[in-house]
C-alpha cells in the first residue's frame, strides 16, 4: 500500500517537498495528476451546489409566496454572493454557467430539492429564468409582497 492510499495528507506533504526540491524522479505523477483534476472538479461541484440552493430558493419564492421571508431572501442573496466570488476567483467556471447541458443538470437538481423541501410537484421542467436573471441581485420571481 502506498503513502497515497494510507494517508493522503502525508502523501501531499511529501509530494510538495519533492516538487520544491525539484526531485521529479520520485514524484507520484499519476496521483498528482488525479489530485490536480480533483481540484477543478471540486470547484465545479461547489459552484453547482450554490446554484442548486439558489434555484431551489427562487422556486420556493415564486411558488410559495405566502412563505416568503427574510431567511429565504438572505439565502438567495448569500448564494449569489458565493457564486460571484467563485466566478471571480476561478473565471473559467463561467463556461459552466453558459453551458446548456450543465444548466439542465443544475435545474433538475434544484427542482428535486424544491420538491423535497415543499412537497409540491408543480415546478417547470425547464428554467423559466435566464442565467442573467438568476444571478441578478435585483431579481426575485413573482410579486415581492
N, C-alpha and C. Protein backbone atom coordinates (compact mmCIF):
# COMPACT_ATOMS: atom_id res chain seq x y z
N UNK A 1 0.85 -1.18 0.00
CA UNK A 1 0.00 0.00 0.00
C UNK A 1 0.90 1.25 0.00
N UNK A 2 0.57 2.21 -0.85
CA UNK A 2 1.39 3.43 -0.97
C UNK A 2 0.98 4.45 0.09
N UNK A 3 1.83 5.46 0.28
CA UNK A 3 1.50 6.54 1.22
C UNK A 3 0.21 7.22 0.80
N UNK A 4 0.00 7.36 -0.49
CA UNK A 4 -1.21 7.98 -1.02
C UNK A 4 -2.45 7.26 -0.50
N UNK A 5 -2.42 5.94 -0.54
CA UNK A 5 -3.57 5.14 -0.12
C UNK A 5 -3.72 5.09 1.40
N UNK A 6 -2.62 5.26 2.13
CA UNK A 6 -2.65 5.18 3.59
C UNK A 6 -3.00 6.52 4.24
N UNK A 7 -2.41 7.61 3.73
CA UNK A 7 -2.58 8.92 4.37
C UNK A 7 -2.34 10.01 3.32
N UNK A 8 -3.42 10.47 2.70
CA UNK A 8 -3.30 11.42 1.59
C UNK A 8 -2.68 12.75 2.05
N UNK A 9 -2.89 13.14 3.29
CA UNK A 9 -2.29 14.38 3.78
C UNK A 9 -0.77 14.24 3.84
N UNK A 10 -0.31 13.15 4.42
CA UNK A 10 1.14 12.90 4.48
C UNK A 10 1.71 12.81 3.07
N UNK A 11 1.01 12.11 2.19
CA UNK A 11 1.44 11.98 0.80
C UNK A 11 1.57 13.35 0.15
N UNK A 12 0.57 14.22 0.35
CA UNK A 12 0.61 15.55 -0.28
C UNK A 12 1.78 16.37 0.23
N UNK A 13 2.09 16.26 1.52
CA UNK A 13 3.25 16.97 2.08
C UNK A 13 4.55 16.45 1.46
N UNK A 14 4.63 15.14 1.31
CA UNK A 14 5.83 14.54 0.69
C UNK A 14 5.98 15.00 -0.76
N UNK A 15 4.86 15.00 -1.48
CA UNK A 15 4.91 15.39 -2.89
C UNK A 15 5.27 16.87 -3.03
N UNK A 16 4.75 17.71 -2.17
CA UNK A 16 5.09 19.13 -2.20
C UNK A 16 6.58 19.33 -1.92
N UNK A 17 7.10 18.58 -0.97
CA UNK A 17 8.54 18.69 -0.65
C UNK A 17 9.38 18.25 -1.85
N UNK A 18 8.99 17.15 -2.48
CA UNK A 18 9.72 16.67 -3.66
C UNK A 18 9.67 17.71 -4.79
N UNK A 19 8.54 18.35 -4.99
CA UNK A 19 8.43 19.38 -6.01
C UNK A 19 9.36 20.56 -5.70
N UNK A 20 9.35 20.99 -4.45
CA UNK A 20 10.20 22.12 -4.06
C UNK A 20 11.69 21.80 -4.20
N UNK A 21 12.00 20.53 -3.98
CA UNK A 21 13.40 20.09 -4.13
C UNK A 21 13.74 19.79 -5.59
N UNK A 22 12.74 19.87 -6.44
CA UNK A 22 12.89 19.53 -7.86
C UNK A 22 13.35 18.09 -8.06
N UNK A 23 12.90 17.23 -7.17
CA UNK A 23 13.21 15.80 -7.24
C UNK A 23 12.09 15.11 -8.02
N UNK A 24 12.07 15.38 -9.31
CA UNK A 24 10.98 14.93 -10.16
C UNK A 24 10.94 13.42 -10.34
N UNK A 25 12.06 12.77 -10.21
CA UNK A 25 12.11 11.32 -10.43
C UNK A 25 11.37 10.53 -9.35
N UNK A 26 11.12 11.13 -8.20
CA UNK A 26 10.43 10.43 -7.12
C UNK A 26 8.97 10.86 -6.94
N UNK A 27 8.52 11.71 -7.83
CA UNK A 27 7.13 12.17 -7.75
C UNK A 27 6.15 11.06 -8.14
N UNK A 28 5.02 11.07 -7.51
CA UNK A 28 3.93 10.14 -7.82
C UNK A 28 3.04 10.83 -8.86
N UNK A 29 3.51 10.84 -10.10
CA UNK A 29 2.90 11.61 -11.17
C UNK A 29 1.42 11.25 -11.38
N UNK A 30 1.10 9.98 -11.39
CA UNK A 30 -0.28 9.56 -11.66
C UNK A 30 -1.25 10.12 -10.61
N UNK A 31 -0.88 9.99 -9.35
CA UNK A 31 -1.77 10.50 -8.29
C UNK A 31 -1.77 12.03 -8.25
N UNK A 32 -0.65 12.64 -8.57
CA UNK A 32 -0.63 14.11 -8.63
C UNK A 32 -1.60 14.60 -9.70
N UNK A 33 -1.57 13.94 -10.85
CA UNK A 33 -2.48 14.32 -11.93
C UNK A 33 -3.94 14.16 -11.49
N UNK A 34 -4.26 13.08 -10.80
CA UNK A 34 -5.62 12.87 -10.30
C UNK A 34 -6.03 13.97 -9.33
N UNK A 35 -5.11 14.32 -8.44
CA UNK A 35 -5.42 15.35 -7.44
C UNK A 35 -5.61 16.72 -8.09
N UNK A 36 -4.81 17.02 -9.09
CA UNK A 36 -4.97 18.30 -9.79
C UNK A 36 -6.33 18.34 -10.48
N UNK A 37 -6.71 17.25 -11.12
CA UNK A 37 -8.04 17.18 -11.74
C UNK A 37 -9.15 17.33 -10.71
N UNK A 38 -8.95 16.73 -9.55
CA UNK A 38 -9.95 16.80 -8.49
C UNK A 38 -10.15 18.22 -7.98
N UNK A 39 -9.10 19.03 -8.01
CA UNK A 39 -9.23 20.43 -7.59
C UNK A 39 -10.27 21.12 -8.49
N UNK A 40 -10.14 20.94 -9.78
CA UNK A 40 -11.10 21.53 -10.72
C UNK A 40 -12.50 20.99 -10.52
N UNK A 41 -12.61 19.69 -10.29
CA UNK A 41 -13.93 19.09 -10.07
C UNK A 41 -14.55 19.61 -8.79
N UNK A 42 -13.75 19.82 -7.79
CA UNK A 42 -14.24 20.35 -6.52
C UNK A 42 -14.81 21.75 -6.70
N UNK A 43 -14.11 22.58 -7.46
CA UNK A 43 -14.60 23.94 -7.74
C UNK A 43 -15.92 23.89 -8.50
N UNK A 44 -16.03 22.97 -9.44
CA UNK A 44 -17.26 22.83 -10.20
C UNK A 44 -18.41 22.35 -9.33
N UNK A 45 -18.12 21.41 -8.43
CA UNK A 45 -19.17 20.92 -7.51
C UNK A 45 -19.64 22.03 -6.58
N UNK A 46 -18.70 22.85 -6.12
CA UNK A 46 -19.07 23.96 -5.24
C UNK A 46 -20.00 24.94 -5.96
N UNK A 47 -19.65 25.28 -7.20
CA UNK A 47 -20.50 26.17 -7.99
C UNK A 47 -21.88 25.56 -8.18
N UNK A 48 -21.92 24.28 -8.52
CA UNK A 48 -23.20 23.62 -8.73
C UNK A 48 -24.02 23.63 -7.45
N UNK A 49 -23.40 23.36 -6.34
CA UNK A 49 -24.11 23.36 -5.06
C UNK A 49 -24.75 24.71 -4.77
N UNK A 50 -24.02 25.79 -4.98
CA UNK A 50 -24.57 27.12 -4.76
C UNK A 50 -25.72 27.42 -5.73
N UNK A 51 -25.56 26.98 -6.97
CA UNK A 51 -26.62 27.21 -7.97
C UNK A 51 -27.89 26.43 -7.62
N UNK A 52 -27.72 25.20 -7.16
CA UNK A 52 -28.89 24.39 -6.80
C UNK A 52 -29.65 25.04 -5.65
N UNK A 53 -28.93 25.48 -4.63
CA UNK A 53 -29.59 26.13 -3.49
C UNK A 53 -30.28 27.41 -3.95
N UNK A 54 -29.59 28.20 -4.77
CA UNK A 54 -30.17 29.44 -5.28
C UNK A 54 -31.45 29.18 -6.06
N UNK A 55 -31.39 28.27 -7.01
CA UNK A 55 -32.56 28.00 -7.84
C UNK A 55 -33.71 27.39 -7.03
N UNK A 56 -33.39 26.50 -6.11
CA UNK A 56 -34.44 25.91 -5.27
C UNK A 56 -35.15 27.00 -4.45
N UNK A 57 -34.38 27.94 -3.94
CA UNK A 57 -34.99 29.03 -3.17
C UNK A 57 -35.79 29.99 -4.07
N UNK A 58 -35.31 30.21 -5.28
CA UNK A 58 -36.09 31.03 -6.21
C UNK A 58 -37.42 30.35 -6.56
N UNK A 59 -37.38 29.03 -6.71
CA UNK A 59 -38.61 28.28 -6.96
C UNK A 59 -39.56 28.40 -5.78
N UNK A 60 -39.04 28.20 -4.59
CA UNK A 60 -39.89 28.32 -3.40
C UNK A 60 -40.44 29.73 -3.28
N UNK A 61 -39.60 30.72 -3.60
CA UNK A 61 -40.04 32.12 -3.53
C UNK A 61 -41.23 32.37 -4.46
N UNK A 62 -41.13 31.81 -5.67
CA UNK A 62 -42.21 32.04 -6.64
C UNK A 62 -43.46 31.23 -6.33
N UNK A 63 -43.28 29.97 -5.95
CA UNK A 63 -44.43 29.09 -5.81
C UNK A 63 -45.02 29.03 -4.40
N UNK A 64 -44.37 29.65 -3.46
CA UNK A 64 -44.92 29.71 -2.10
C UNK A 64 -44.85 31.16 -1.59
N UNK A 65 -45.55 32.07 -2.25
CA UNK A 65 -45.44 33.48 -1.87
C UNK A 65 -45.85 33.75 -0.42
N UNK A 66 -46.73 32.93 0.10
CA UNK A 66 -47.17 33.11 1.48
C UNK A 66 -46.08 32.79 2.50
N UNK A 67 -45.04 32.11 2.07
CA UNK A 67 -43.97 31.71 2.99
C UNK A 67 -42.70 32.54 2.81
N UNK A 68 -42.74 33.51 1.90
CA UNK A 68 -41.58 34.37 1.67
C UNK A 68 -41.20 35.07 2.97
N UNK A 69 -39.91 35.18 3.15
CA UNK A 69 -39.46 35.86 4.36
C UNK A 69 -38.00 36.23 4.27
N UNK A 70 -37.52 36.82 5.32
CA UNK A 70 -36.15 37.32 5.38
C UNK A 70 -35.12 36.20 5.22
N UNK A 71 -35.41 35.04 5.76
CA UNK A 71 -34.42 33.94 5.68
C UNK A 71 -34.24 33.49 4.24
N UNK A 72 -35.34 33.32 3.51
CA UNK A 72 -35.22 32.93 2.10
C UNK A 72 -34.48 34.01 1.32
N UNK A 73 -34.83 35.27 1.58
CA UNK A 73 -34.18 36.37 0.87
C UNK A 73 -32.68 36.40 1.18
N UNK A 74 -32.31 36.18 2.43
CA UNK A 74 -30.89 36.15 2.80
C UNK A 74 -30.17 34.99 2.14
N UNK A 75 -30.83 33.85 2.07
CA UNK A 75 -30.23 32.68 1.42
C UNK A 75 -30.00 32.95 -0.06
N UNK A 76 -30.98 33.53 -0.72
CA UNK A 76 -30.85 33.86 -2.15
C UNK A 76 -29.68 34.82 -2.36
N UNK A 77 -29.62 35.86 -1.56
CA UNK A 77 -28.54 36.84 -1.68
C UNK A 77 -27.18 36.22 -1.38
N UNK A 78 -27.12 35.39 -0.35
CA UNK A 78 -25.85 34.75 0.02
C UNK A 78 -25.35 33.83 -1.09
N UNK A 79 -26.25 33.08 -1.73
CA UNK A 79 -25.83 32.18 -2.80
C UNK A 79 -25.31 32.99 -3.99
N UNK A 80 -25.95 34.10 -4.29
CA UNK A 80 -25.48 34.95 -5.39
C UNK A 80 -24.08 35.50 -5.09
N UNK A 81 -23.85 35.89 -3.86
CA UNK A 81 -22.53 36.38 -3.46
C UNK A 81 -21.49 35.27 -3.62
N UNK A 82 -21.81 34.07 -3.17
CA UNK A 82 -20.87 32.95 -3.27
C UNK A 82 -20.57 32.61 -4.73
N UNK A 83 -21.60 32.62 -5.57
CA UNK A 83 -21.40 32.32 -6.99
C UNK A 83 -20.53 33.38 -7.64
N UNK A 84 -20.80 34.64 -7.35
CA UNK A 84 -19.99 35.73 -7.91
C UNK A 84 -18.54 35.61 -7.45
N UNK A 85 -18.34 35.26 -6.20
CA UNK A 85 -16.98 35.08 -5.67
C UNK A 85 -16.29 33.92 -6.37
N UNK A 86 -17.00 32.80 -6.52
CA UNK A 86 -16.42 31.64 -7.21
C UNK A 86 -15.98 31.99 -8.63
N UNK A 87 -16.82 32.74 -9.34
CA UNK A 87 -16.51 33.13 -10.72
C UNK A 87 -15.32 34.10 -10.74
N UNK A 88 -15.28 35.02 -9.79
CA UNK A 88 -14.17 35.97 -9.73
C UNK A 88 -12.85 35.25 -9.46
N UNK A 89 -12.88 34.30 -8.53
CA UNK A 89 -11.67 33.57 -8.16
C UNK A 89 -11.26 32.53 -9.20
N UNK A 90 -12.25 32.00 -9.92
CA UNK A 90 -11.99 30.96 -10.92
C UNK A 90 -12.80 31.30 -12.17
N UNK A 91 -12.31 32.25 -12.98
CA UNK A 91 -13.07 32.73 -14.13
C UNK A 91 -13.49 31.64 -15.12
N UNK A 92 -12.73 30.57 -15.22
CA UNK A 92 -13.10 29.52 -16.17
C UNK A 92 -14.41 28.84 -15.81
N UNK A 93 -14.87 28.99 -14.57
CA UNK A 93 -16.16 28.42 -14.19
C UNK A 93 -17.32 29.07 -14.93
N UNK A 94 -17.09 30.26 -15.44
CA UNK A 94 -18.16 30.97 -16.16
C UNK A 94 -18.67 30.13 -17.34
N UNK A 95 -17.80 29.33 -17.93
CA UNK A 95 -18.24 28.49 -19.04
C UNK A 95 -19.30 27.49 -18.60
N UNK A 96 -19.25 27.07 -17.33
CA UNK A 96 -20.27 26.17 -16.80
C UNK A 96 -21.62 26.87 -16.81
N UNK A 97 -21.65 28.12 -16.35
CA UNK A 97 -22.90 28.87 -16.30
C UNK A 97 -23.51 29.05 -17.68
N UNK A 98 -22.66 29.04 -18.70
CA UNK A 98 -23.12 29.25 -20.07
C UNK A 98 -23.47 27.94 -20.78
N UNK A 99 -23.15 26.82 -20.16
CA UNK A 99 -23.38 25.51 -20.78
C UNK A 99 -24.83 25.06 -20.56
N UNK A 100 -25.52 24.83 -21.66
CA UNK A 100 -26.92 24.39 -21.57
C UNK A 100 -27.03 23.04 -20.87
N UNK A 101 -26.13 22.13 -21.16
CA UNK A 101 -26.17 20.80 -20.53
C UNK A 101 -25.97 20.92 -19.02
N UNK A 102 -25.02 21.75 -18.61
CA UNK A 102 -24.77 21.96 -17.18
C UNK A 102 -25.99 22.60 -16.53
N UNK A 103 -26.58 23.58 -17.19
CA UNK A 103 -27.77 24.25 -16.65
C UNK A 103 -28.91 23.27 -16.46
N UNK A 104 -29.05 22.32 -17.37
CA UNK A 104 -30.13 21.33 -17.26
C UNK A 104 -29.93 20.43 -16.04
N UNK A 105 -28.69 20.05 -15.79
CA UNK A 105 -28.39 19.22 -14.62
C UNK A 105 -28.68 20.01 -13.34
N UNK A 106 -28.21 21.24 -13.30
CA UNK A 106 -28.44 22.09 -12.12
C UNK A 106 -29.93 22.29 -11.90
N UNK A 107 -30.66 22.55 -12.97
CA UNK A 107 -32.10 22.76 -12.84
C UNK A 107 -32.79 21.51 -12.29
N UNK A 108 -32.44 20.35 -12.81
CA UNK A 108 -33.05 19.10 -12.34
C UNK A 108 -32.77 18.90 -10.85
N UNK A 109 -31.56 19.19 -10.43
CA UNK A 109 -31.23 19.04 -9.01
C UNK A 109 -31.98 20.06 -8.16
N UNK A 110 -32.11 21.28 -8.67
CA UNK A 110 -32.83 22.33 -7.94
C UNK A 110 -34.31 21.97 -7.79
N UNK A 111 -34.91 21.49 -8.85
CA UNK A 111 -36.31 21.08 -8.79
C UNK A 111 -36.48 19.95 -7.79
N UNK A 112 -35.59 18.99 -7.83
CA UNK A 112 -35.64 17.87 -6.89
C UNK A 112 -35.55 18.38 -5.45
N UNK A 113 -34.64 19.32 -5.20
CA UNK A 113 -34.50 19.89 -3.86
C UNK A 113 -35.75 20.65 -3.45
N UNK A 114 -36.30 21.43 -4.37
CA UNK A 114 -37.51 22.20 -4.07
C UNK A 114 -38.69 21.28 -3.78
N UNK A 115 -38.82 20.21 -4.54
CA UNK A 115 -39.90 19.24 -4.30
C UNK A 115 -39.73 18.62 -2.91
N UNK A 116 -38.51 18.23 -2.57
CA UNK A 116 -38.26 17.62 -1.26
C UNK A 116 -38.55 18.58 -0.12
N UNK A 117 -38.30 19.87 -0.33
CA UNK A 117 -38.48 20.86 0.74
C UNK A 117 -39.91 21.37 0.84
N UNK A 118 -40.70 21.22 -0.22
CA UNK A 118 -42.05 21.80 -0.22
C UNK A 118 -43.17 20.79 -0.34
N UNK A 119 -42.85 19.59 -0.80
CA UNK A 119 -43.85 18.58 -1.14
C UNK A 119 -44.73 19.01 -2.30
N UNK A 120 -44.34 20.06 -3.01
CA UNK A 120 -45.04 20.48 -4.22
C UNK A 120 -44.40 19.78 -5.41
N UNK A 121 -45.20 19.42 -6.38
CA UNK A 121 -44.67 18.79 -7.59
C UNK A 121 -45.22 19.54 -8.79
N UNK A 122 -45.04 20.86 -8.78
CA UNK A 122 -45.65 21.71 -9.80
C UNK A 122 -44.62 22.55 -10.56
N UNK A 123 -43.36 22.26 -10.35
CA UNK A 123 -42.32 23.10 -10.92
C UNK A 123 -42.08 22.78 -12.40
N UNK A 124 -41.71 23.79 -13.18
CA UNK A 124 -41.49 23.55 -14.61
C UNK A 124 -40.28 22.65 -14.87
N UNK A 125 -40.34 21.96 -15.99
CA UNK A 125 -39.24 21.06 -16.37
C UNK A 125 -37.99 21.83 -16.77
N UNK A 126 -38.18 23.04 -17.26
CA UNK A 126 -37.05 23.89 -17.67
C UNK A 126 -37.14 25.21 -16.94
N UNK A 127 -36.01 25.82 -16.71
CA UNK A 127 -35.99 27.10 -16.00
C UNK A 127 -36.71 28.17 -16.81
N UNK A 128 -37.62 28.90 -16.16
CA UNK A 128 -38.30 30.00 -16.84
C UNK A 128 -37.46 31.29 -16.82
N UNK A 129 -36.32 31.24 -16.17
CA UNK A 129 -35.49 32.43 -16.00
C UNK A 129 -34.18 32.29 -16.75
N UNK A 130 -33.65 33.41 -17.18
CA UNK A 130 -32.34 33.42 -17.80
C UNK A 130 -31.29 33.36 -16.70
N UNK A 131 -30.08 32.99 -17.07
CA UNK A 131 -28.99 32.97 -16.10
C UNK A 131 -28.73 34.38 -15.58
N UNK A 132 -28.89 35.36 -16.45
CA UNK A 132 -28.71 36.76 -16.04
C UNK A 132 -29.71 37.13 -14.94
N UNK A 133 -30.95 36.71 -15.09
CA UNK A 133 -31.95 36.97 -14.06
C UNK A 133 -31.59 36.26 -12.75
N UNK A 134 -31.27 34.99 -12.86
CA UNK A 134 -30.97 34.18 -11.68
C UNK A 134 -29.84 34.80 -10.86
N UNK A 135 -28.85 35.34 -11.53
CA UNK A 135 -27.68 35.87 -10.84
C UNK A 135 -27.82 37.35 -10.46
N UNK A 136 -28.87 38.00 -10.92
CA UNK A 136 -29.08 39.42 -10.64
C UNK A 136 -29.56 39.63 -9.21
N UNK A 137 -28.90 40.52 -8.50
CA UNK A 137 -29.29 40.82 -7.11
C UNK A 137 -30.69 41.44 -7.02
N UNK A 138 -31.17 42.01 -8.10
CA UNK A 138 -32.48 42.65 -8.09
C UNK A 138 -33.62 41.69 -8.41
N UNK A 139 -33.28 40.52 -8.97
CA UNK A 139 -34.33 39.62 -9.45
C UNK A 139 -34.87 38.71 -8.34
N UNK A 140 -36.16 38.79 -8.14
CA UNK A 140 -36.90 37.85 -7.31
C UNK A 140 -38.15 37.53 -8.10
N UNK A 141 -38.38 36.26 -8.43
CA UNK A 141 -39.53 35.93 -9.28
C UNK A 141 -40.86 36.20 -8.58
N UNK A 142 -41.85 36.43 -9.39
CA UNK A 142 -43.17 36.69 -8.82
C UNK A 142 -43.25 38.08 -8.22
N UNK A 143 -44.25 38.27 -7.46
CA UNK A 143 -44.52 39.57 -6.86
C UNK A 143 -43.88 39.65 -5.49
N UNK A 144 -43.05 40.64 -5.26
CA UNK A 144 -42.40 40.80 -3.93
C UNK A 144 -43.34 41.58 -3.01
N UNK A 145 -44.19 40.85 -2.37
CA UNK A 145 -45.16 41.49 -1.46
C UNK A 145 -44.52 41.80 -0.14
